[in-house]
Amino acid sequence: EPPAWAPGPAQAAALLEEAADLLVLHRDFAAAVERCEAGCDSLGPGPGPGHERCLFLTSFAEVKCSLCVVGIQALAEMNRWREVLSWVLQYYHVPEQLPPKVLELCILLYSKVREPQVMLEVGSSWLRDHANQSLPEYGSLLELYLVHVLLPLGRFEGAEELVRGCDVFGSEQQLAFLGTICESRCQWARQEETRSAAEEQQDPVAETVLGALSQKLLTMLTLLRRALRSMSNHFYLLPYKKMLLATFLLYLVVVRLDPASPTSLPFIYKLVQLFRQAWAAVLSPIHRPPIRD
């Protein structure tokens, strides 16, 4: 039977167990993050008097670290990895105080999502801290930082400086790391040359495509101008006055006069004759548009 919750690590440990169950068994990631936050808040700034009542972990630091590890995994499952670093630092405040396990998880996470620059300053601050250099995990974290942060970002000089200034590595390990850095630098240079050559090849192709498109557009505009000129010449020759007069007479006959009345027949006859003359003028060879090449 789980113990009753109490302030301090005992309550945090209970919340940790619940958060782990929500993460692994129930796949309720949002609720797992909430339990981790509640557990970290219950711990406060440091170990409290209830520290000896913790049944799951034996130290204040381990409880807090485990809560953060579960929270990081839950945030990553929800694709909220951008919030991970700020979420962790709200409980540890400065990068130098991050536990090795938490730092390792953050480096791997941001390397996997191809955002290693997020951990650039954080990892450098942690590795340069003298208190952290005495930890047994220091060597493995330095190697992880080199491989997943500095080298992918092309920070070769910083990587060499960090390796040479590290007292944890022996001479053979330093030479091995320096060789890895040199190989990565050469590979980076080859990739830059390949990228530059590809860009140079794309520029003439783009210019050729743009030139062809410009030529086609110019040809289309020329044809459109010729068509508009031909239409304007054709409509200019039409008998506008006769057409307007016929329209006016049609208005008088339909609106003002009664077509059934005998007095309207002369006007209708004149209107028909006028329409015939206008129609013959429109369809005559003189008013047809000239054919051009």
C-alpha atoms as a PDB file:
ATOM      1  CA  GLU A   1       0.000   0.000   0.000  1.00  0.00           C
ATOM      2  CA  PRO A   2       1.538   3.351  -0.979  1.00  0.00           C
ATOM      3  CA  PRO A   3       2.276   5.692   1.904  1.00  0.00           C
ATOM      4  CA  ALA A   4       0.350   8.879   2.521  1.00  0.00           C
ATOM      5  CA  TRP A   5       1.748  11.902   0.722  1.00  0.00           C
ATOM      6  CA  ALA A   6       3.932  14.195   2.790  1.00  0.00           C
ATOM      7  CA  PRO A   7       5.883  17.319   1.930  1.00  0.00           C
ATOM      8  CA  GLY A   8       9.324  16.737   0.477  1.00  0.00           C
ATOM      9  CA  PRO A   9      10.883  13.762  -1.287  1.00  0.00           C
ATOM     10  CA  ALA A  10       8.235  11.254  -0.111  1.00  0.00           C
ATOM     11  CA  GLN A  11       5.498  13.129  -1.922  1.00  0.00           C
ATOM     12  CA  ALA A  12       7.784  13.697  -4.922  1.00  0.00           C
ATOM     13  CA  ALA A  13       8.601   9.986  -5.091  1.00  0.00           C
ATOM     14  CA  ALA A  14       4.910   9.084  -5.110  1.00  0.00           C
ATOM     15  CA  LEU A  15       4.310  11.572  -7.882  1.00  0.00           C
ATOM     16  CA  LEU A  16       7.288  10.140  -9.741  1.00  0.00           C
ATOM     17  CA  GLU A  17       5.816   6.640  -9.647  1.00  0.00           C
ATOM     18  CA  GLU A  18       2.477   7.938 -10.848  1.00  0.00           C
ATOM     19  CA  ALA A  19       4.115   9.945 -13.652  1.00  0.00           C
ATOM     20  CA  ALA A  20       6.090   6.887 -14.786  1.00  0.00           C
ATOM     21  CA  ASP A  21       2.893   4.810 -14.927  1.00  0.00           C
ATOM     22  CA  LEU A  22       1.139   7.527 -16.938  1.00  0.00           C
ATOM     23  CA  LEU A  23       4.076   7.702 -19.343  1.00  0.00           C
ATOM     24  CA  VAL A  24       4.703   4.004 -19.916  1.00  0.00           C
ATOM     25  CA  LEU A  25       1.401   2.239 -19.233  1.00  0.00           C
ATOM     26  CA  HIS A  26      -1.345   4.775 -19.967  1.00  0.00           C
ATOM     27  CA  ARG A  27       0.510   6.898 -22.527  1.00  0.00           C
ATOM     28  CA  ASP A  28      -1.051   9.993 -20.991  1.00  0.00           C
ATOM     29  CA  PHE A  29       1.886  12.328 -21.595  1.00  0.00           C
ATOM     30  CA  ALA A  30       0.224  15.569 -20.538  1.00  0.00           C
ATOM     31  CA  ALA A  31      -0.788  14.112 -17.191  1.00  0.00           C
ATOM     32  CA  ALA A  32       2.739  12.715 -16.737  1.00  0.00           C
ATOM     33  CA  VAL A  33       4.211  16.190 -17.215  1.00  0.00           C
ATOM     34  CA  GLU A  34       1.770  17.592 -14.672  1.00  0.00           C
ATOM     35  CA  ARG A  35       2.821  14.986 -12.086  1.00  0.00           C
ATOM     36  CA  CYS A  36       6.495  15.718 -12.720  1.00  0.00           C
ATOM     37  CA  GLU A  37       5.934  19.436 -12.267  1.00  0.00           C
ATOM     38  CA  ALA A  38       4.015  18.844  -9.054  1.00  0.00           C
ATOM     39  CA  GLY A  39       6.804  16.594  -7.790  1.00  0.00           C
ATOM     40  CA  CYS A  40       9.541  19.126  -8.556  1.00  0.00           C
ATOM     41  CA  ASP A  41       7.523  21.896  -6.915  1.00  0.00           C
ATOM     42  CA  SER A  42       7.045  19.782  -3.790  1.00  0.00           C
ATOM     43  CA  LEU A  43      10.799  19.315  -3.420  1.00  0.00           C
ATOM     44  CA  GLY A  44      11.497  22.995  -3.074  1.00  0.00           C
ATOM     45  CA  PRO A  45      15.049  24.403  -3.025  1.00  0.00           C
ATOM     46  CA  GLY A  46      16.681  21.438  -1.290  1.00  0.00           C
ATOM     47  CA  PRO A  47      16.208  18.229   0.721  1.00  0.00           C
ATOM     48  CA  GLY A  48      13.720  18.553   3.522  1.00  0.00           C
ATOM     49  CA  PRO A  49      13.240  16.706   6.823  1.00  0.00           C
ATOM     50  CA  GLY A  50      11.101  14.049   5.159  1.00  0.00           C
ATOM     51  CA  HIS A  51      14.032  12.873   3.070  1.00  0.00           C
ATOM     52  CA  GLU A  52      14.419   9.569   4.921  1.00  0.00           C
ATOM     53  CA  ARG A  53      10.783   8.594   4.200  1.00  0.00           C
ATOM     54  CA  CYS A  54      11.363   8.309   0.434  1.00  0.00           C
ATOM     55  CA  LEU A  55      10.691   4.667  -0.557  1.00  0.00           C
ATOM     56  CA  PHE A  56      11.653   4.776  -4.219  1.00  0.00           C
ATOM     57  CA  LEU A  57      14.872   6.761  -4.390  1.00  0.00           C
ATOM     58  CA  THR A  58      17.436   7.431  -1.685  1.00  0.00           C
ATOM     59  CA  SER A  59      18.365  11.032  -2.278  1.00  0.00           C
ATOM     60  CA  PHE A  60      16.778  14.359  -3.001  1.00  0.00           C
ATOM     61  CA  ALA A  61      18.898  14.853  -6.144  1.00  0.00           C
ATOM     62  CA  GLU A  62      17.931  11.487  -7.596  1.00  0.00           C
ATOM     63  CA  VAL A  63      14.216  12.134  -7.101  1.00  0.00           C
ATOM     64  CA  LYS A  64      14.435  15.486  -8.813  1.00  0.00           C
ATOM     65  CA  CYS A  65      16.590  14.113 -11.634  1.00  0.00           C
ATOM     66  CA  SER A  66      14.195  11.220 -12.253  1.00  0.00           C
ATOM     67  CA  LEU A  67      11.214  13.558 -12.327  1.00  0.00           C
ATOM     68  CA  CYS A  68      12.949  15.672 -14.971  1.00  0.00           C
ATOM     69  CA  VAL A  69      13.879  12.610 -17.018  1.00  0.00           C
ATOM     70  CA  VAL A  70      10.262  11.423 -17.109  1.00  0.00           C
ATOM     71  CA  GLY A  71       9.094  14.940 -17.917  1.00  0.00           C
ATOM     72  CA  ILE A  72      11.564  15.247 -20.804  1.00  0.00           C
ATOM     73  CA  GLN A  73      10.391  11.968 -22.282  1.00  0.00           C
ATOM     74  CA  ALA A  74       6.737  12.991 -21.976  1.00  0.00           C
ATOM     75  CA  LEU A  75       7.362  16.361 -23.629  1.00  0.00           C
ATOM     76  CA  ALA A  76       9.250  14.664 -26.456  1.00  0.00           C
ATOM     77  CA  GLU A  77       6.364  12.235 -26.996  1.00  0.00           C
ATOM     78  CA  MET A  78       4.011  15.198 -27.394  1.00  0.00           C
ATOM     79  CA  ASN A  79       6.414  16.792 -29.906  1.00  0.00           C
ATOM     80  CA  ARG A  80       7.022  19.639 -27.472  1.00  0.00           C
ATOM     81  CA  TRP A  81      10.788  19.202 -27.571  1.00  0.00           C
ATOM     82  CA  ARG A  82      11.319  22.961 -27.994  1.00  0.00           C
ATOM     83  CA  GLU A  83      10.127  23.434 -24.411  1.00  0.00           C
ATOM     84  CA  VAL A  84      12.432  20.821 -22.881  1.00  0.00           C
ATOM     85  CA  LEU A  85      15.465  22.963 -22.058  1.00  0.00           C
ATOM     86  CA  SER A  86      13.497  25.872 -20.607  1.00  0.00           C
ATOM     87  CA  TRP A  87      11.300  23.430 -18.687  1.00  0.00           C
ATOM     88  CA  VAL A  88      14.347  21.783 -17.089  1.00  0.00           C
ATOM     89  CA  LEU A  89      16.131  25.049 -16.308  1.00  0.00           C
ATOM     90  CA  GLN A  90      13.160  26.336 -14.344  1.00  0.00           C
ATOM     91  CA  TYR A  91      14.024  23.697 -11.722  1.00  0.00           C
ATOM     92  CA  TYR A  92      17.841  23.842 -11.954  1.00  0.00           C
ATOM     93  CA  HIS A  93      18.117  27.559 -12.807  1.00  0.00           C
ATOM     94  CA  VAL A  94      21.643  27.407 -14.341  1.00  0.00           C
ATOM     95  CA  PRO A  95      23.185  24.898 -16.794  1.00  0.00           C
ATOM     96  CA  GLU A  96      26.066  24.067 -14.433  1.00  0.00           C
ATOM     97  CA  GLN A  97      23.630  22.451 -11.967  1.00  0.00           C
ATOM     98  CA  LEU A  98      22.072  20.061 -14.466  1.00  0.00           C
ATOM     99  CA  PRO A  99      22.542  16.377 -13.519  1.00  0.00           C
ATOM    100  CA  PRO A 100      24.649  14.381 -16.003  1.00  0.00           C
ATOM    101  CA  LYS A 101      21.676  12.202 -16.951  1.00  0.00           C
ATOM    102  CA  VAL A 102      19.504  15.216 -17.731  1.00  0.00           C
ATOM    103  CA  LEU A 103      22.251  16.880 -19.776  1.00  0.00           C
ATOM    104  CA  GLU A 104      22.854  13.667 -21.710  1.00  0.00           C
ATOM    105  CA  LEU A 105      19.166  13.302 -22.508  1.00  0.00           C
ATOM    106  CA  CYS A 106      18.902  16.920 -23.682  1.00  0.00           C
ATOM    107  CA  ILE A 107      21.938  16.594 -25.961  1.00  0.00           C
ATOM    108  CA  LEU A 108      20.596  13.426 -27.561  1.00  0.00           C
ATOM    109  CA  LEU A 109      17.109  14.889 -27.953  1.00  0.00           C
ATOM    110  CA  TYR A 110      18.181  18.104 -29.686  1.00  0.00           C
ATOM    111  CA  SER A 111      20.650  16.176 -31.837  1.00  0.00           C
ATOM    112  CA  LYS A 112      17.870  13.853 -32.976  1.00  0.00           C
ATOM    113  CA  VAL A 113      15.628  16.745 -34.015  1.00  0.00           C
ATOM    114  CA  ARG A 114      18.615  18.396 -35.763  1.00  0.00           C
ATOM    115  CA  GLU A 115      18.755  21.397 -33.468  1.00  0.00           C
ATOM    116  CA  PRO A 116      22.176  20.918 -31.792  1.00  0.00           C
ATOM    117  CA  GLN A 117      22.780  24.673 -31.518  1.00  0.00           C
ATOM    118  CA  VAL A 118      20.281  24.768 -28.654  1.00  0.00           C
ATOM    119  CA  MET A 119      22.756  22.877 -26.464  1.00  0.00           C
ATOM    120  CA  LEU A 120      25.852  24.797 -27.568  1.00  0.00           C
ATOM    121  CA  GLU A 121      26.070  27.295 -24.709  1.00  0.00           C
ATOM    122  CA  VAL A 122      24.474  25.000 -22.146  1.00  0.00           C
ATOM    123  CA  GLY A 123      26.922  22.180 -22.788  1.00  0.00           C
ATOM    124  CA  SER A 124      29.916  24.509 -22.833  1.00  0.00           C
ATOM    125  CA  SER A 125      28.949  26.056 -19.488  1.00  0.00           C
ATOM    126  CA  TRP A 126      28.452  22.637 -17.902  1.00  0.00           C
ATOM    127  CA  LEU A 127      31.751  21.208 -19.178  1.00  0.00           C
ATOM    128  CA  ARG A 128      33.797  24.233 -18.117  1.00  0.00           C
ATOM    129  CA  ASP A 129      32.495  24.114 -14.565  1.00  0.00           C
ATOM    130  CA  HIS A 130      35.237  22.826 -12.206  1.00  0.00           C
ATOM    131  CA  ALA A 131      32.791  20.988  -9.955  1.00  0.00           C
ATOM    132  CA  ASN A 132      31.444  18.984 -12.886  1.00  0.00           C
ATOM    133  CA  GLN A 133      34.920  18.019 -14.074  1.00  0.00           C
ATOM    134  CA  SER A 134      35.318  15.753 -11.061  1.00  0.00           C
ATOM    135  CA  LEU A 135      32.205  13.720 -11.874  1.00  0.00           C
ATOM    136  CA  PRO A 136      32.704  10.198 -13.286  1.00  0.00           C
ATOM    137  CA  GLU A 137      30.333  10.982 -16.182  1.00  0.00           C
ATOM    138  CA  TYR A 138      32.378  13.986 -17.321  1.00  0.00           C
ATOM    139  CA  GLY A 139      34.407  12.139 -19.973  1.00  0.00           C
ATOM    140  CA  SER A 140      31.416  10.501 -21.634  1.00  0.00           C
ATOM    141  CA  LEU A 141      29.466  13.768 -21.651  1.00  0.00           C
ATOM    142  CA  LEU A 142      32.384  15.645 -23.199  1.00  0.00           C
ATOM    143  CA  GLU A 143      32.576  13.028 -25.956  1.00  0.00           C
ATOM    144  CA  LEU A 144      28.810  13.246 -26.460  1.00  0.00           C
ATOM    145  CA  TYR A 145      29.015  17.036 -26.668  1.00  0.00           C
ATOM    146  CA  LEU A 146      31.787  16.851 -29.263  1.00  0.00           C
ATOM    147  CA  VAL A 147      30.089  14.293 -31.487  1.00  0.00           C
ATOM    148  CA  HIS A 148      26.506  15.587 -31.333  1.00  0.00           C
ATOM    149  CA  VAL A 149      26.935  19.363 -30.902  1.00  0.00           C
ATOM    150  CA  LEU A 150      30.310  20.852 -31.851  1.00  0.00           C
ATOM    151  CA  LEU A 151      31.205  18.737 -34.877  1.00  0.00           C
ATOM    152  CA  PRO A 152      27.752  18.903 -36.575  1.00  0.00           C
ATOM    153  CA  LEU A 153      27.889  22.699 -36.191  1.00  0.00           C
ATOM    154  CA  GLY A 154      31.422  22.958 -37.606  1.00  0.00           C
ATOM    155  CA  ARG A 155      32.929  24.286 -34.353  1.00  0.00           C
ATOM    156  CA  PHE A 156      36.261  22.547 -34.930  1.00  0.00           C
ATOM    157  CA  GLU A 157      38.490  25.092 -33.180  1.00  0.00           C
ATOM    158  CA  GLY A 158      36.322  25.034 -30.077  1.00  0.00           C
ATOM    159  CA  ALA A 159      36.347  21.230 -30.113  1.00  0.00           C
ATOM    160  CA  GLU A 160      40.160  21.110 -30.313  1.00  0.00           C
ATOM    161  CA  GLU A 161      40.494  23.646 -27.516  1.00  0.00           C
ATOM    162  CA  LEU A 162      38.100  21.690 -25.315  1.00  0.00           C
ATOM    163  CA  VAL A 163      39.934  18.399 -25.885  1.00  0.00           C
ATOM    164  CA  ARG A 164      43.392  19.859 -25.274  1.00  0.00           C
ATOM    165  CA  GLY A 165      42.258  21.575 -22.084  1.00  0.00           C
ATOM    166  CA  CYS A 166      40.599  18.460 -20.657  1.00  0.00           C
ATOM    167  CA  ASP A 167      42.600  16.709 -17.904  1.00  0.00           C
ATOM    168  CA  VAL A 168      40.277  13.704 -17.827  1.00  0.00           C
ATOM    169  CA  PHE A 169      41.555  12.302 -21.106  1.00  0.00           C
ATOM    170  CA  GLY A 170      44.940  10.682 -21.425  1.00  0.00           C
ATOM    171  CA  SER A 171      47.307  11.424 -24.272  1.00  0.00           C
ATOM    172  CA  GLU A 172      46.002   8.545 -26.363  1.00  0.00           C
ATOM    173  CA  GLN A 173      42.386   9.597 -25.900  1.00  0.00           C
ATOM    174  CA  GLN A 174      43.266  13.189 -26.798  1.00  0.00           C
ATOM    175  CA  LEU A 175      45.010  12.046 -29.982  1.00  0.00           C
ATOM    176  CA  ALA A 176      42.011   9.895 -30.878  1.00  0.00           C
ATOM    177  CA  PHE A 177      39.603  12.796 -30.388  1.00  0.00           C
ATOM    178  CA  LEU A 178      41.852  15.196 -32.304  1.00  0.00           C
ATOM    179  CA  GLY A 179      41.963  12.695 -35.167  1.00  0.00           C
ATOM    180  CA  THR A 180      38.175  12.495 -35.169  1.00  0.00           C
ATOM    181  CA  ILE A 181      37.970  16.293 -35.243  1.00  0.00           C
ATOM    182  CA  CYS A 182      40.441  16.478 -38.153  1.00  0.00           C
ATOM    183  CA  GLU A 183      38.474  13.886 -40.118  1.00  0.00           C
ATOM    184  CA  SER A 184      35.223  15.706 -39.493  1.00  0.00           C
ATOM    185  CA  ARG A 185      36.826  18.989 -40.618  1.00  0.00           C
ATOM    186  CA  CYS A 186      37.939  17.398 -43.919  1.00  0.00           C
ATOM    187  CA  GLN A 187      34.497  15.936 -44.479  1.00  0.00           C
ATOM    188  CA  TRP A 188      32.914  19.319 -43.764  1.00  0.00           C
ATOM    189  CA  ALA A 189      35.259  20.963 -46.323  1.00  0.00           C
ATOM    190  CA  ARG A 190      34.352  18.391 -48.981  1.00  0.00           C
ATOM    191  CA  GLN A 191      30.655  18.961 -48.370  1.00  0.00           C
ATOM    192  CA  GLU A 192      31.129  22.719 -48.707  1.00  0.00           C
ATOM    193  CA  GLU A 193      32.949  22.255 -52.008  1.00  0.00           C
ATOM    194  CA  THR A 194      30.221  19.964 -53.305  1.00  0.00           C
ATOM    195  CA  ARG A 195      27.543  22.435 -52.244  1.00  0.00           C
ATOM    196  CA  SER A 196      29.350  25.356 -53.908  1.00  0.00           C
ATOM    197  CA  ALA A 197      29.806  23.392 -57.145  1.00  0.00           C
ATOM    198  CA  ALA A 198      26.106  22.481 -57.169  1.00  0.00           C
ATOM    199  CA  GLU A 199      25.111  26.125 -56.677  1.00  0.00           C
ATOM    200  CA  GLU A 200      27.386  27.214 -59.512  1.00  0.00           C
ATOM    201  CA  GLN A 201      25.794  24.651 -61.814  1.00  0.00           C
ATOM    202  CA  GLN A 202      22.294  25.735 -60.861  1.00  0.00           C
ATOM    203  CA  ASP A 203      22.920  29.414 -61.700  1.00  0.00           C
ATOM    204  CA  PRO A 204      23.363  28.948 -65.512  1.00  0.00           C
ATOM    205  CA  VAL A 205      20.394  26.595 -65.599  1.00  0.00           C
ATOM    206  CA  ALA A 206      18.243  29.153 -63.802  1.00  0.00           C
ATOM    207  CA  GLU A 207      19.385  31.903 -66.157  1.00  0.00           C
ATOM    208  CA  THR A 208      18.578  29.711 -69.203  1.00  0.00           C
ATOM    209  CA  VAL A 209      15.097  28.937 -67.863  1.00  0.00           C
ATOM    210  CA  LEU A 210      14.414  32.601 -67.102  1.00  0.00           C
ATOM    211  CA  GLY A 211      15.633  33.577 -70.577  1.00  0.00           C
ATOM    212  CA  ALA A 212      13.326  31.059 -72.257  1.00  0.00           C
ATOM    213  CA  LEU A 213      10.369  32.240 -70.185  1.00  0.00           C
ATOM    214  CA  SER A 214      11.119  35.874 -71.024  1.00  0.00           C
ATOM    215  CA  GLN A 215      11.283  35.049 -74.759  1.00  0.00           C
ATOM    216  CA  LYS A 216       7.944  33.212 -74.623  1.00  0.00           C
ATOM    217  CA  LEU A 217       6.331  36.095 -72.754  1.00  0.00           C
ATOM    218  CA  LEU A 218       7.647  38.607 -75.289  1.00  0.00           C
ATOM    219  CA  THR A 219       6.274  36.513 -78.174  1.00  0.00           C
ATOM    220  CA  MET A 220       2.855  36.263 -76.524  1.00  0.00           C
ATOM    221  CA  LEU A 221       2.739  40.026 -75.936  1.00  0.00           C
ATOM    222  CA  THR A 222       3.647  40.689 -79.589  1.00  0.00           C
ATOM    223  CA  LEU A 223       0.867  38.408 -80.845  1.00  0.00           C
ATOM    224  CA  LEU A 224      -1.610  40.015 -78.470  1.00  0.00           C
ATOM    225  CA  ARG A 225      -0.663  43.480 -79.688  1.00  0.00           C
ATOM    226  CA  ARG A 226      -1.162  42.435 -83.321  1.00  0.00           C
ATOM    227  CA  ALA A 227      -4.579  40.959 -82.518  1.00  0.00           C
ATOM    228  CA  LEU A 228      -5.704  44.099 -80.700  1.00  0.00           C
ATOM    229  CA  ARG A 229      -4.508  46.304 -83.562  1.00  0.00           C
ATOM    230  CA  SER A 230      -6.391  44.179 -86.098  1.00  0.00           C
ATOM    231  CA  MET A 231      -9.578  44.314 -84.037  1.00  0.00           C
ATOM    232  CA  SER A 232      -9.298  48.065 -83.588  1.00  0.00           C
ATOM    233  CA  ASN A 233      -8.881  48.596 -87.340  1.00  0.00           C
ATOM    234  CA  HIS A 234     -11.884  46.401 -88.047  1.00  0.00           C
ATOM    235  CA  PHE A 235     -14.173  48.127 -85.569  1.00  0.00           C
ATOM    236  CA  TYR A 236     -13.034  51.524 -86.733  1.00  0.00           C
ATOM    237  CA  LEU A 237     -14.430  50.821 -90.199  1.00  0.00           C
ATOM    238  CA  LEU A 238     -17.892  49.767 -88.990  1.00  0.00           C
ATOM    239  CA  PRO A 239     -20.806  52.183 -89.745  1.00  0.00           C
ATOM    240  CA  TYR A 240     -21.433  53.308 -86.193  1.00  0.00           C
ATOM    241  CA  LYS A 241     -23.747  56.139 -87.180  1.00  0.00           C
ATOM    242  CA  LYS A 242     -26.076  53.862 -89.133  1.00  0.00           C
ATOM    243  CA  MET A 243     -26.136  51.313 -86.352  1.00  0.00           C
ATOM    244  CA  LEU A 244     -26.964  53.963 -83.764  1.00  0.00           C
ATOM    245  CA  LEU A 245     -29.681  55.424 -85.963  1.00  0.00           C
ATOM    246  CA  ALA A 246     -31.206  51.990 -86.509  1.00  0.00           C
ATOM    247  CA  THR A 247     -31.177  51.334 -82.784  1.00  0.00           C
ATOM    248  CA  PHE A 248     -32.877  54.669 -82.129  1.00  0.00           C
ATOM    249  CA  LEU A 249     -35.569  53.992 -84.722  1.00  0.00           C
ATOM    250  CA  LEU A 250     -36.141  50.542 -83.258  1.00  0.00           C
ATOM    251  CA  TYR A 251     -36.633  52.181 -79.872  1.00  0.00           C
ATOM    252  CA  LEU A 252     -39.183  54.593 -81.371  1.00  0.00           C
ATOM    253  CA  VAL A 253     -41.098  51.815 -83.111  1.00  0.00           C
ATOM    254  CA  VAL A 254     -41.218  49.431 -80.144  1.00  0.00           C
ATOM    255  CA  VAL A 255     -41.618  51.907 -77.304  1.00  0.00           C
ATOM    256  CA  ARG A 256     -43.205  55.018 -78.754  1.00  0.00           C
ATOM    257  CA  LEU A 257     -45.220  53.575 -81.666  1.00  0.00           C
ATOM    258  CA  ASP A 258     -47.678  50.753 -82.062  1.00  0.00           C
ATOM    259  CA  PRO A 259     -46.355  48.208 -84.617  1.00  0.00           C
ATOM    260  CA  ALA A 260     -49.931  47.096 -85.373  1.00  0.00           C
ATOM    261  CA  SER A 261     -50.988  50.612 -86.355  1.00  0.00           C
ATOM    262  CA  PRO A 262     -51.003  51.420 -90.113  1.00  0.00           C
ATOM    263  CA  THR A 263     -49.225  54.709 -89.419  1.00  0.00           C
ATOM    264  CA  SER A 264     -46.218  52.780 -88.109  1.00  0.00           C
ATOM    265  CA  LEU A 265     -45.603  50.812 -91.314  1.00  0.00           C
ATOM    266  CA  PRO A 266     -43.490  53.502 -93.095  1.00  0.00           C
ATOM    267  CA  PHE A 267     -41.196  53.747 -90.102  1.00  0.00           C
ATOM    268  CA  ILE A 268     -40.838  49.954 -89.916  1.00  0.00           C
ATOM    269  CA  TYR A 269     -40.080  49.782 -93.624  1.00  0.00           C
ATOM    270  CA  LYS A 270     -37.388  52.456 -93.312  1.00  0.00           C
ATOM    271  CA  LEU A 271     -35.950  50.657 -90.287  1.00  0.00           C
ATOM    272  CA  VAL A 272     -35.697  47.379 -92.226  1.00  0.00           C
ATOM    273  CA  GLN A 273     -33.979  49.121 -95.133  1.00  0.00           C
ATOM    274  CA  LEU A 274     -31.551  50.814 -92.787  1.00  0.00           C
ATOM    275  CA  PHE A 275     -30.661  47.508 -91.112  1.00  0.00           C
ATOM    276  CA  ARG A 276     -30.076  45.884 -94.490  1.00  0.00           C
ATOM    277  CA  GLN A 277     -27.702  48.661 -95.535  1.00  0.00           C
ATOM    278  CA  ALA A 278     -25.799  48.441 -92.237  1.00  0.00           C
ATOM    279  CA  TRP A 279     -25.572  44.655 -92.461  1.00  0.00           C
ATOM    280  CA  ALA A 280     -24.296  44.794 -96.035  1.00  0.00           C
ATOM    281  CA  ALA A 281     -21.714  47.393 -95.026  1.00  0.00           C
ATOM    282  CA  VAL A 282     -20.489  45.239 -92.140  1.00  0.00           C
ATOM    283  CA  LEU A 283     -20.141  42.072 -94.218  1.00  0.00           C
ATOM    284  CA  SER A 284     -18.690  43.725 -97.303  1.00  0.00           C
ATOM    285  CA  PRO A 285     -15.107  42.856 -98.275  1.00  0.00           C
ATOM    286  CA  ILE A 286     -14.035  46.448 -97.662  1.00  0.00           C
ATOM    287  CA  HIS A 287     -14.686  46.206 -93.902  1.00  0.00           C
ATOM    288  CA  ARG A 288     -13.118  42.837 -93.408  1.00  0.00           C
ATOM    289  CA  PRO A 289      -9.863  42.986 -91.425  1.00  0.00           C
ATOM    290  CA  PRO A 290      -6.721  42.570 -93.547  1.00  0.00           C
ATOM    291  CA  ILE A 291      -4.810  39.298 -93.208  1.00  0.00           C
ATOM    292  CA  ARG A 292      -1.227  39.787 -92.067  1.00  0.00           C
ATOM    293  CA  ASP A 293       1.677  37.407 -91.642  1.00  0.00           C
END
